[in-house]
Amino acid sequence: MGRDRWHLIEEEGALTLARRLPVRLDLAAETVLAGAVGRRRLAHLVRQDLWRALRDLRGFAPVVRVRRVAGGLHVVAGGAVAGRVPPGAQAHIAGLLEDPRHRARWAGRA
């Protein structure tokens, strides 16, 4: 795997985008996005914003899991952290997933 590559895993109806294998979620948040957008593109868009939000978190490796549910897509975003998870990191991810500007951008581009 090159530096620019991401692992895309499809299992049990979910698409998982991860930087490292095995997939590990030391911290995570989830949401449901209405509408039927592309899972792969959505996973990459959420991953980009997740990385921008947590790039200063040492040893952070993003993971995004997307699966279709009634009425939209269920998204779990988070990742592995090498070391201690700082207080509020999970709430920061949850805030990112619920931010109306991000949600509108994801829906418009995915």
C-alpha atoms as a PDB file:
ATOM      1  CA  MET A   1       0.000   0.000   0.000  1.00  0.00           C
ATOM      2  CA  GLY A   2       1.393   3.401  -0.978  1.00  0.00           C
ATOM      3  CA  ARG A   3       1.243   6.522   1.134  1.00  0.00           C
ATOM      4  CA  ASP A   4      -1.877   7.766  -0.701  1.00  0.00           C
ATOM      5  CA  ARG A   5      -3.783   4.512  -0.403  1.00  0.00           C
ATOM      6  CA  TRP A   6      -6.690   3.668   1.841  1.00  0.00           C
ATOM      7  CA  HIS A   7      -8.139   0.271   2.639  1.00  0.00           C
ATOM      8  CA  LEU A   8     -11.727  -0.154   1.405  1.00  0.00           C
ATOM      9  CA  ILE A   9     -13.462  -3.099   3.002  1.00  0.00           C
ATOM     10  CA  GLU A  10     -16.986  -4.264   2.205  1.00  0.00           C
ATOM     11  CA  GLU A  11     -18.527  -6.627   4.714  1.00  0.00           C
ATOM     12  CA  GLU A  12     -22.001  -7.266   6.045  1.00  0.00           C
ATOM     13  CA  GLY A  13     -23.479  -4.457   3.934  1.00  0.00           C
ATOM     14  CA  ALA A  14     -21.051  -1.832   5.252  1.00  0.00           C
ATOM     15  CA  LEU A  15     -18.218  -0.069   3.487  1.00  0.00           C
ATOM     16  CA  THR A  16     -15.254   0.709   5.745  1.00  0.00           C
ATOM     17  CA  LEU A  17     -12.512   3.149   4.791  1.00  0.00           C
ATOM     18  CA  ALA A  18      -9.407   2.831   6.961  1.00  0.00           C
ATOM     19  CA  ARG A  19      -5.811   3.936   6.923  1.00  0.00           C
ATOM     20  CA  ARG A  20      -4.494   0.925   8.844  1.00  0.00           C
ATOM     21  CA  LEU A  21      -5.454  -2.699   9.261  1.00  0.00           C
ATOM     22  CA  PRO A  22      -6.777  -4.172  11.434  1.00  0.00           C
ATOM     23  CA  VAL A  23      -9.508  -1.556  11.765  1.00  0.00           C
ATOM     24  CA  ARG A  24      -9.607  -0.099  15.268  1.00  0.00           C
ATOM     25  CA  LEU A  25     -12.028   2.468  16.685  1.00  0.00           C
ATOM     26  CA  ASP A  26     -10.524   3.884  19.877  1.00  0.00           C
ATOM     27  CA  LEU A  27     -12.943   6.783  19.594  1.00  0.00           C
ATOM     28  CA  ALA A  28     -16.013   7.131  17.383  1.00  0.00           C
ATOM     29  CA  ALA A  29     -19.318   8.891  16.855  1.00  0.00           C
ATOM     30  CA  GLU A  30     -22.200   8.081  14.556  1.00  0.00           C
ATOM     31  CA  THR A  31     -25.025   9.714  12.662  1.00  0.00           C
ATOM     32  CA  VAL A  32     -27.585   8.994   9.954  1.00  0.00           C
ATOM     33  CA  LEU A  33     -27.551  11.091   6.785  1.00  0.00           C
ATOM     34  CA  ALA A  34     -30.811  11.280   4.856  1.00  0.00           C
ATOM     35  CA  GLY A  35     -30.826  10.582   1.148  1.00  0.00           C
ATOM     36  CA  ALA A  36     -29.160   8.050  -1.061  1.00  0.00           C
ATOM     37  CA  VAL A  37     -25.653   9.269  -1.826  1.00  0.00           C
ATOM     38  CA  GLY A  38     -22.647   7.210  -2.823  1.00  0.00           C
ATOM     39  CA  ARG A  39     -21.124   5.355   0.126  1.00  0.00           C
ATOM     40  CA  ARG A  40     -17.555   5.439  -1.139  1.00  0.00           C
ATOM     41  CA  ARG A  41     -17.521   9.157  -1.941  1.00  0.00           C
ATOM     42  CA  LEU A  42     -19.268   9.983   1.336  1.00  0.00           C
ATOM     43  CA  ALA A  43     -16.714   7.945   3.287  1.00  0.00           C
ATOM     44  CA  HIS A  44     -13.848   9.872   1.668  1.00  0.00           C
ATOM     45  CA  LEU A  45     -15.496  13.257   2.302  1.00  0.00           C
ATOM     46  CA  VAL A  46     -16.150  12.473   5.965  1.00  0.00           C
ATOM     47  CA  ARG A  47     -12.612  11.122   6.322  1.00  0.00           C
ATOM     48  CA  GLN A  48     -11.140  14.342   4.926  1.00  0.00           C
ATOM     49  CA  ASP A  49     -13.079  16.526   7.356  1.00  0.00           C
ATOM     50  CA  LEU A  50     -12.348  14.152  10.230  1.00  0.00           C
ATOM     51  CA  TRP A  51      -8.627  14.342   9.471  1.00  0.00           C
ATOM     52  CA  ARG A  52      -8.728  18.142   9.280  1.00  0.00           C
ATOM     53  CA  ALA A  53     -10.485  18.292  12.641  1.00  0.00           C
ATOM     54  CA  LEU A  54      -8.141  15.863  14.432  1.00  0.00           C
ATOM     55  CA  ARG A  55      -4.835  16.153  12.577  1.00  0.00           C
ATOM     56  CA  ASP A  56      -3.097  17.423  15.713  1.00  0.00           C
ATOM     57  CA  LEU A  57      -4.076  14.265  17.622  1.00  0.00           C
ATOM     58  CA  ARG A  58      -0.848  12.286  17.744  1.00  0.00           C
ATOM     59  CA  GLY A  59      -1.005   8.881  16.081  1.00  0.00           C
ATOM     60  CA  PHE A  60      -4.551   9.341  14.768  1.00  0.00           C
ATOM     61  CA  ALA A  61      -5.586   7.018  11.911  1.00  0.00           C
ATOM     62  CA  PRO A  62      -9.106   7.788  10.618  1.00  0.00           C
ATOM     63  CA  VAL A  63     -11.787   5.157  10.047  1.00  0.00           C
ATOM     64  CA  VAL A  64     -15.176   5.767   8.435  1.00  0.00           C
ATOM     65  CA  ARG A  65     -17.854   3.076   8.118  1.00  0.00           C
ATOM     66  CA  VAL A  66     -20.971   3.678   5.977  1.00  0.00           C
ATOM     67  CA  ARG A  67     -23.960   1.387   5.549  1.00  0.00           C
ATOM     68  CA  ARG A  68     -27.383   1.846   4.036  1.00  0.00           C
ATOM     69  CA  VAL A  69     -30.330   1.984   6.418  1.00  0.00           C
ATOM     70  CA  ALA A  70     -33.983   2.885   5.947  1.00  0.00           C
ATOM     71  CA  GLY A  71     -34.065   6.559   5.053  1.00  0.00           C
ATOM     72  CA  GLY A  72     -30.360   7.133   4.414  1.00  0.00           C
ATOM     73  CA  LEU A  73     -26.850   6.149   5.372  1.00  0.00           C
ATOM     74  CA  HIS A  74     -25.563   5.272   8.830  1.00  0.00           C
ATOM     75  CA  VAL A  75     -22.067   6.746   9.305  1.00  0.00           C
ATOM     76  CA  VAL A  76     -19.592   5.802  12.025  1.00  0.00           C
ATOM     77  CA  ALA A  77     -16.512   8.047  12.072  1.00  0.00           C
ATOM     78  CA  GLY A  78     -13.516   7.828  14.345  1.00  0.00           C
ATOM     79  CA  GLY A  79     -10.302   5.947  14.361  1.00  0.00           C
ATOM     80  CA  ALA A  80      -7.308   4.535  16.121  1.00  0.00           C
ATOM     81  CA  VAL A  81      -5.129   6.641  18.396  1.00  0.00           C
ATOM     82  CA  ALA A  82      -1.584   5.793  19.387  1.00  0.00           C
ATOM     83  CA  GLY A  83      -1.568   6.860  22.988  1.00  0.00           C
ATOM     84  CA  ARG A  84      -4.031   8.590  25.241  1.00  0.00           C
ATOM     85  CA  VAL A  85      -7.354   9.837  23.858  1.00  0.00           C
ATOM     86  CA  PRO A  86      -7.821  13.420  25.047  1.00  0.00           C
ATOM     87  CA  PRO A  87     -11.059  14.390  26.788  1.00  0.00           C
ATOM     88  CA  GLY A  88     -13.591  15.823  24.392  1.00  0.00           C
ATOM     89  CA  ALA A  89     -12.194  14.155  21.259  1.00  0.00           C
ATOM     90  CA  GLN A  90     -15.271  11.973  20.831  1.00  0.00           C
ATOM     91  CA  ALA A  91     -17.578  14.963  21.339  1.00  0.00           C
ATOM     92  CA  HIS A  92     -15.548  16.828  18.718  1.00  0.00           C
ATOM     93  CA  ILE A  93     -16.238  14.038  16.198  1.00  0.00           C
ATOM     94  CA  ALA A  94     -19.939  14.031  17.103  1.00  0.00           C
ATOM     95  CA  GLY A  95     -20.066  17.793  16.563  1.00  0.00           C
ATOM     96  CA  LEU A  96     -18.427  17.409  13.169  1.00  0.00           C
ATOM     97  CA  LEU A  97     -20.971  14.781  12.118  1.00  0.00           C
ATOM     98  CA  GLU A  98     -23.907  16.956  13.207  1.00  0.00           C
ATOM     99  CA  ASP A  99     -22.598  20.235  11.736  1.00  0.00           C
ATOM    100  CA  PRO A 100     -25.192  21.438   9.163  1.00  0.00           C
ATOM    101  CA  ARG A 101     -22.525  22.932   6.867  1.00  0.00           C
ATOM    102  CA  HIS A 102     -20.590  19.668   6.684  1.00  0.00           C
ATOM    103  CA  ARG A 103     -23.757  17.618   6.207  1.00  0.00           C
ATOM    104  CA  ALA A 104     -24.884  19.870   3.334  1.00  0.00           C
ATOM    105  CA  ARG A 105     -21.458  19.648   1.680  1.00  0.00           C
ATOM    106  CA  TRP A 106     -21.369  15.856   2.014  1.00  0.00           C
ATOM    107  CA  ALA A 107     -24.876  15.523   0.562  1.00  0.00           C
ATOM    108  CA  GLY A 108     -24.051  17.870  -2.312  1.00  0.00           C
ATOM    109  CA  ARG A 109     -20.779  16.221  -3.293  1.00  0.00           C
ATOM    110  CA  ALA A 110     -21.329  12.541  -2.549  1.00  0.00           C
END
